[in-house]
Amino acid sequence: TVPMGRWGKPDDVGWAVTYFASNEASFVTGQTIAVNGGKTVW
């Protein structure tokens, strides 16, 4: 099953890539961010 009811698209991950590549994320260190529509919780 797919928790969000659909498969992911490149745009779904794009926001995270854009954020972590920006200066806005300069204080974020050592994190694992699962951008997978909730599949790791399922």
PDB file of N, CA and C in Angstrom:
ATOM      1  N   THR A   1       0.832  -1.197   0.000  1.00  0.00           N
ATOM      2  CA  THR A   1       0.000   0.000   0.000  1.00  0.00           C
ATOM      3  C   THR A   1       0.866   1.246   0.000  1.00  0.00           C
ATOM      4  N   VAL A   2       0.266   2.320  -0.431  1.00  0.00           N
ATOM      5  CA  VAL A   2       0.951   3.608  -0.485  1.00  0.00           C
ATOM      6  C   VAL A   2       0.198   4.555   0.452  1.00  0.00           C
ATOM      7  N   PRO A   3       0.792   4.963   1.593  1.00  0.00           N
ATOM      8  CA  PRO A   3       0.090   5.768   2.587  1.00  0.00           C
ATOM      9  C   PRO A   3      -0.566   7.045   2.052  1.00  0.00           C
ATOM     10  N   MET A   4       0.077   7.752   1.149  1.00  0.00           N
ATOM     11  CA  MET A   4      -0.488   8.999   0.627  1.00  0.00           C
ATOM     12  C   MET A   4      -1.470   8.754  -0.515  1.00  0.00           C
ATOM     13  N   GLY A   5      -1.620   7.503  -0.927  1.00  0.00           N
ATOM     14  CA  GLY A   5      -2.562   7.173  -1.984  1.00  0.00           C
ATOM     15  C   GLY A   5      -2.030   7.375  -3.398  1.00  0.00           C
ATOM     16  N   ARG A   6      -0.759   7.691  -3.524  1.00  0.00           N
ATOM     17  CA  ARG A   6      -0.147   7.872  -4.843  1.00  0.00           C
ATOM     18  C   ARG A   6       1.355   7.706  -4.700  1.00  0.00           C
ATOM     19  N   TRP A   7       2.013   7.423  -5.810  1.00  0.00           N
ATOM     20  CA  TRP A   7       3.462   7.334  -5.825  1.00  0.00           C
ATOM     21  C   TRP A   7       4.050   8.734  -5.866  1.00  0.00           C
ATOM     22  N   GLY A   8       5.233   8.891  -5.336  1.00  0.00           N
ATOM     23  CA  GLY A   8       5.899  10.184  -5.320  1.00  0.00           C
ATOM     24  C   GLY A   8       6.377  10.622  -6.691  1.00  0.00           C
ATOM     25  N   LYS A   9       6.486  11.948  -6.829  1.00  0.00           N
ATOM     26  CA  LYS A   9       6.997  12.555  -8.059  1.00  0.00           C
ATOM     27  C   LYS A   9       8.264  13.332  -7.716  1.00  0.00           C
ATOM     28  N   PRO A  10       9.093  13.605  -8.704  1.00  0.00           N
ATOM     29  CA  PRO A  10      10.305  14.388  -8.431  1.00  0.00           C
ATOM     30  C   PRO A  10      10.012  15.724  -7.743  1.00  0.00           C
ATOM     31  N   ASP A  11       8.913  16.361  -8.082  1.00  0.00           N
ATOM     32  CA  ASP A  11       8.568  17.636  -7.441  1.00  0.00           C
ATOM     33  C   ASP A  11       8.306  17.477  -5.945  1.00  0.00           C
ATOM     34  N   ASP A  12       7.859  16.303  -5.524  1.00  0.00           N
ATOM     35  CA  ASP A  12       7.606  16.070  -4.105  1.00  0.00           C
ATOM     36  C   ASP A  12       8.896  16.124  -3.294  1.00  0.00           C
ATOM     37  N   VAL A  13       9.993  15.736  -3.897  1.00  0.00           N
ATOM     38  CA  VAL A  13      11.287  15.751  -3.223  1.00  0.00           C
ATOM     39  C   VAL A  13      12.004  17.075  -3.448  1.00  0.00           C
ATOM     40  N   GLY A  14      11.670  17.752  -4.518  1.00  0.00           N
ATOM     41  CA  GLY A  14      12.350  18.986  -4.903  1.00  0.00           C
ATOM     42  C   GLY A  14      12.357  20.062  -3.837  1.00  0.00           C
ATOM     43  N   TRP A  15      11.241  20.199  -3.109  1.00  0.00           N
ATOM     44  CA  TRP A  15      11.189  21.243  -2.081  1.00  0.00           C
ATOM     45  C   TRP A  15      12.237  21.001  -1.007  1.00  0.00           C
ATOM     46  N   ALA A  16      12.442  19.741  -0.623  1.00  0.00           N
ATOM     47  CA  ALA A  16      13.426  19.427   0.412  1.00  0.00           C
ATOM     48  C   ALA A  16      14.841  19.691  -0.083  1.00  0.00           C
ATOM     49  N   VAL A  17      15.118  19.302  -1.305  1.00  0.00           N
ATOM     50  CA  VAL A  17      16.438  19.539  -1.888  1.00  0.00           C
ATOM     51  C   VAL A  17      16.715  21.030  -1.965  1.00  0.00           C
ATOM     52  N   THR A  18      15.735  21.793  -2.416  1.00  0.00           N
ATOM     53  CA  THR A  18      15.887  23.245  -2.525  1.00  0.00           C
ATOM     54  C   THR A  18      16.132  23.874  -1.162  1.00  0.00           C
ATOM     55  N   TYR A  19      15.376  23.448  -0.165  1.00  0.00           N
ATOM     56  CA  TYR A  19      15.528  24.002   1.176  1.00  0.00           C
ATOM     57  C   TYR A  19      16.912  23.703   1.757  1.00  0.00           C
ATOM     58  N   PHE A  20      17.326  22.446   1.709  1.00  0.00           N
ATOM     59  CA  PHE A  20      18.600  22.081   2.321  1.00  0.00           C
ATOM     60  C   PHE A  20      19.804  22.600   1.556  1.00  0.00           C
ATOM     61  N   ALA A  21      19.621  22.993   0.330  1.00  0.00           N
ATOM     62  CA  ALA A  21      20.699  23.602  -0.448  1.00  0.00           C
ATOM     63  C   ALA A  21      20.751  25.111  -0.252  1.00  0.00           C
ATOM     64  N   SER A  22      19.784  25.658   0.483  1.00  0.00           N
ATOM     65  CA  SER A  22      19.714  27.108   0.658  1.00  0.00           C
ATOM     66  C   SER A  22      20.364  27.539   1.970  1.00  0.00           C
ATOM     67  N   ASN A  23      20.540  28.832   2.126  1.00  0.00           N
ATOM     68  CA  ASN A  23      21.073  29.389   3.371  1.00  0.00           C
ATOM     69  C   ASN A  23      20.086  29.260   4.521  1.00  0.00           C
ATOM     70  N   GLU A  24      18.813  29.073   4.223  1.00  0.00           N
ATOM     71  CA  GLU A  24      17.798  28.915   5.268  1.00  0.00           C
ATOM     72  C   GLU A  24      18.071  27.689   6.141  1.00  0.00           C
ATOM     73  N   ALA A  25      18.736  26.701   5.599  1.00  0.00           N
ATOM     74  CA  ALA A  25      19.010  25.464   6.334  1.00  0.00           C
ATOM     75  C   ALA A  25      20.417  25.440   6.923  1.00  0.00           C
ATOM     76  N   SER A  26      21.051  26.578   7.034  1.00  0.00           N
ATOM     77  CA  SER A  26      22.445  26.611   7.487  1.00  0.00           C
ATOM     78  C   SER A  26      22.621  26.131   8.926  1.00  0.00           C
ATOM     79  N   PHE A  27      21.558  26.113   9.721  1.00  0.00           N
ATOM     80  CA  PHE A  27      21.660  25.683  11.113  1.00  0.00           C
ATOM     81  C   PHE A  27      21.239  24.222  11.292  1.00  0.00           C
ATOM     82  N   VAL A  28      20.819  23.562  10.244  1.00  0.00           N
ATOM     83  CA  VAL A  28      20.407  22.158  10.295  1.00  0.00           C
ATOM     84  C   VAL A  28      21.639  21.276  10.116  1.00  0.00           C
ATOM     85  N   THR A  29      21.835  20.357  11.057  1.00  0.00           N
ATOM     86  CA  THR A  29      22.972  19.440  10.969  1.00  0.00           C
ATOM     87  C   THR A  29      22.539  18.032  11.366  1.00  0.00           C
ATOM     88  N   GLY A  30      23.127  17.043  10.741  1.00  0.00           N
ATOM     89  CA  GLY A  30      22.972  15.656  11.154  1.00  0.00           C
ATOM     90  C   GLY A  30      21.564  15.105  11.211  1.00  0.00           C
ATOM     91  N   GLN A  31      20.739  15.436  10.271  1.00  0.00           N
ATOM     92  CA  GLN A  31      19.361  14.949  10.280  1.00  0.00           C
ATOM     93  C   GLN A  31      19.107  13.966   9.150  1.00  0.00           C
ATOM     94  N   THR A  32      18.168  13.078   9.368  1.00  0.00           N
ATOM     95  CA  THR A  32      17.661  12.203   8.319  1.00  0.00           C
ATOM     96  C   THR A  32      16.227  12.629   8.056  1.00  0.00           C
ATOM     97  N   ILE A  33      15.977  13.153   6.892  1.00  0.00           N
ATOM     98  CA  ILE A  33      14.645  13.622   6.524  1.00  0.00           C
ATOM     99  C   ILE A  33      14.064  12.631   5.519  1.00  0.00           C
ATOM    100  N   ALA A  34      13.005  11.955   5.905  1.00  0.00           N
ATOM    101  CA  ALA A  34      12.362  10.980   5.017  1.00  0.00           C
ATOM    102  C   ALA A  34      11.269  11.679   4.218  1.00  0.00           C
ATOM    103  N   VAL A  35      11.531  11.913   2.963  1.00  0.00           N
ATOM    104  CA  VAL A  35      10.545  12.526   2.067  1.00  0.00           C
ATOM    105  C   VAL A  35       9.975  11.380   1.235  1.00  0.00           C
ATOM    106  N   ASN A  36       9.067  10.619   1.860  1.00  0.00           N
ATOM    107  CA  ASN A  36       8.577   9.411   1.206  1.00  0.00           C
ATOM    108  C   ASN A  36       7.073   9.196   1.375  1.00  0.00           C
ATOM    109  N   GLY A  37       6.345  10.245   1.670  1.00  0.00           N
ATOM    110  CA  GLY A  37       4.894  10.127   1.759  1.00  0.00           C
ATOM    111  C   GLY A  37       4.389   9.324   2.945  1.00  0.00           C
ATOM    112  N   GLY A  38       5.195   9.146   3.957  1.00  0.00           N
ATOM    113  CA  GLY A  38       4.784   8.424   5.155  1.00  0.00           C
ATOM    114  C   GLY A  38       5.069   6.932   5.124  1.00  0.00           C
ATOM    115  N   LYS A  39       5.767   6.461   4.129  1.00  0.00           N
ATOM    116  CA  LYS A  39       6.014   5.021   4.008  1.00  0.00           C
ATOM    117  C   LYS A  39       6.816   4.464   5.183  1.00  0.00           C
ATOM    118  N   THR A  40       7.723   5.229   5.770  1.00  0.00           N
ATOM    119  CA  THR A  40       8.498   4.710   6.899  1.00  0.00           C
ATOM    120  C   THR A  40       7.650   4.594   8.154  1.00  0.00           C
ATOM    121  N   VAL A  41       6.554   5.311   8.248  1.00  0.00           N
ATOM    122  CA  VAL A  41       5.663   5.238   9.403  1.00  0.00           C
ATOM    123  C   VAL A  41       4.671   4.102   9.227  1.00  0.00           C
ATOM    124  N   TRP A  42       4.352   3.789   8.000  1.00  0.00           N
ATOM    125  CA  TRP A  42       3.330   2.796   7.687  1.00  0.00           C
ATOM    126  C   TRP A  42       3.706   1.466   8.146  1.00  0.00           C
TER     127      TRP A  42
END
